[in-house]
C-alpha atoms as a PDB file:
ATOM      1  CA  UNK A   1     -45.488  10.923  35.518  1.00  0.00           C
ATOM      2  CA  UNK A   2     -44.063  14.418  35.316  1.00  0.00           C
ATOM      3  CA  UNK A   3     -42.519  16.053  38.356  1.00  0.00           C
ATOM      4  CA  UNK A   4     -42.234  19.815  38.351  1.00  0.00           C
ATOM      5  CA  UNK A   5     -39.370  21.938  39.592  1.00  0.00           C
ATOM      6  CA  UNK A   6     -38.567  25.624  39.325  1.00  0.00           C
ATOM      7  CA  UNK A   7     -36.117  25.073  36.467  1.00  0.00           C
ATOM      8  CA  UNK A   8     -36.925  21.738  34.809  1.00  0.00           C
ATOM      9  CA  UNK A   9     -39.710  19.325  33.941  1.00  0.00           C
ATOM     10  CA  UNK A  10     -38.639  15.912  35.191  1.00  0.00           C
ATOM     11  CA  UNK A  11     -40.136  12.769  33.636  1.00  0.00           C
ATOM     12  CA  UNK A  12     -40.230   9.845  36.066  1.00  0.00           C
ATOM     13  CA  UNK A  13     -41.020   6.203  35.305  1.00  0.00           C
ATOM     14  CA  UNK A  14     -44.025   5.571  37.588  1.00  0.00           C
ATOM     15  CA  UNK A  15     -43.168   1.890  37.980  1.00  0.00           C
ATOM     16  CA  UNK A  16     -39.550   2.260  39.050  1.00  0.00           C
ATOM     17  CA  UNK A  17     -39.347   5.871  40.192  1.00  0.00           C
ATOM     18  CA  UNK A  18     -36.353   6.275  37.873  1.00  0.00           C
ATOM     19  CA  UNK A  19     -35.832   9.703  36.299  1.00  0.00           C
ATOM     20  CA  UNK A  20     -36.228   9.176  32.554  1.00  0.00           C
ATOM     21  CA  UNK A  21     -35.399  12.702  31.439  1.00  0.00           C
ATOM     22  CA  UNK A  22     -35.153  16.266  32.606  1.00  0.00           C
ATOM     23  CA  UNK A  23     -35.887  19.189  30.317  1.00  0.00           C
ATOM     24  CA  UNK A  24     -35.445  22.884  31.062  1.00  0.00           C
ATOM     25  CA  UNK A  25     -38.534  25.049  30.985  1.00  0.00           C
ATOM     26  CA  UNK A  26     -38.768  27.364  27.981  1.00  0.00           C
ATOM     27  CA  UNK A  27     -38.642  31.109  28.413  1.00  0.00           C
ATOM     28  CA  UNK A  28     -41.486  33.326  27.203  1.00  0.00           C
ATOM     29  CA  UNK A  29     -39.332  34.345  24.225  1.00  0.00           C
ATOM     30  CA  UNK A  30     -38.663  30.688  23.320  1.00  0.00           C
ATOM     31  CA  UNK A  31     -42.371  29.850  23.538  1.00  0.00           C
ATOM     32  CA  UNK A  32     -43.265  32.825  21.338  1.00  0.00           C
ATOM     33  CA  UNK A  33     -40.644  31.756  18.767  1.00  0.00           C
ATOM     34  CA  UNK A  34     -41.941  28.168  18.762  1.00  0.00           C
ATOM     35  CA  UNK A  35     -45.520  29.367  18.240  1.00  0.00           C
ATOM     36  CA  UNK A  36     -44.427  31.627  15.364  1.00  0.00           C
ATOM     37  CA  UNK A  37     -42.581  28.736  13.697  1.00  0.00           C
ATOM     38  CA  UNK A  38     -45.583  26.431  14.124  1.00  0.00           C
ATOM     39  CA  UNK A  39     -47.899  29.041  12.600  1.00  0.00           C
ATOM     40  CA  UNK A  40     -45.559  29.509   9.626  1.00  0.00           C
ATOM     41  CA  UNK A  41     -45.347  25.748   9.148  1.00  0.00           C
ATOM     42  CA  UNK A  42     -49.130  25.473   9.235  1.00  0.00           C
ATOM     43  CA  UNK A  43     -49.513  28.166   6.580  1.00  0.00           C
ATOM     44  CA  UNK A  44     -47.129  26.238   4.325  1.00  0.00           C
ATOM     45  CA  UNK A  45     -48.719  22.839   5.112  1.00  0.00           C
ATOM     46  CA  UNK A  46     -52.250  23.997   4.291  1.00  0.00           C
ATOM     47  CA  UNK A  47     -51.044  25.136   0.856  1.00  0.00           C
ATOM     48  CA  UNK A  48     -49.596  21.667   0.151  1.00  0.00           C
ATOM     49  CA  UNK A  49     -51.830  19.542  -2.089  1.00  0.00           C
ATOM     50  CA  UNK A  50     -53.833  16.881  -0.244  1.00  0.00           C
ATOM     51  CA  UNK A  51     -52.135  14.006  -2.087  1.00  0.00           C
ATOM     52  CA  UNK A  52     -48.703  15.314  -1.041  1.00  0.00           C
ATOM     53  CA  UNK A  53     -49.818  15.677   2.587  1.00  0.00           C
ATOM     54  CA  UNK A  54     -51.229  12.144   2.580  1.00  0.00           C
ATOM     55  CA  UNK A  55     -47.967  10.812   1.140  1.00  0.00           C
ATOM     56  CA  UNK A  56     -45.939  12.639   3.798  1.00  0.00           C
ATOM     57  CA  UNK A  57     -48.103  11.169   6.569  1.00  0.00           C
ATOM     58  CA  UNK A  58     -47.733   7.670   5.104  1.00  0.00           C
ATOM     59  CA  UNK A  59     -43.933   8.066   5.094  1.00  0.00           C
ATOM     60  CA  UNK A  60     -43.995   9.271   8.699  1.00  0.00           C
ATOM     61  CA  UNK A  61     -46.131   6.265   9.669  1.00  0.00           C
ATOM     62  CA  UNK A  62     -43.741   3.879   7.915  1.00  0.00           C
ATOM     63  CA  UNK A  63     -40.751   5.449   9.665  1.00  0.00           C
ATOM     64  CA  UNK A  64     -42.450   5.116  13.054  1.00  0.00           C
ATOM     65  CA  UNK A  65     -43.394   1.470  12.417  1.00  0.00           C
ATOM     66  CA  UNK A  66     -39.785   0.713  11.393  1.00  0.00           C
ATOM     67  CA  UNK A  67     -38.575   2.010  14.760  1.00  0.00           C
ATOM     68  CA  UNK A  68     -41.261   0.550  17.036  1.00  0.00           C
ATOM     69  CA  UNK A  69     -39.029  -2.259  18.333  1.00  0.00           C
ATOM     70  CA  UNK A  70     -36.619   0.338  19.741  1.00  0.00           C
ATOM     71  CA  UNK A  71     -39.292   1.930  21.927  1.00  0.00           C
ATOM     72  CA  UNK A  72     -39.326   0.983  25.599  1.00  0.00           C
ATOM     73  CA  UNK A  73     -42.345  -0.882  26.909  1.00  0.00           C
END
């Protein structure tokens, strides 16, 4: 569950009510910069050969599986 405030997004565990994290809202400038970076990354990614993209996704999947036991339930 996500609670909203004027300055931060607050993530709350719905079972316990405990605050899990609190993150400041981004400014318009920060959002614009993030969108520009994502667009640049996409332009580079789409030029990457399919086999290389598939390999990168497999490595990401392996890294996530290696860390799954550390994730809270």
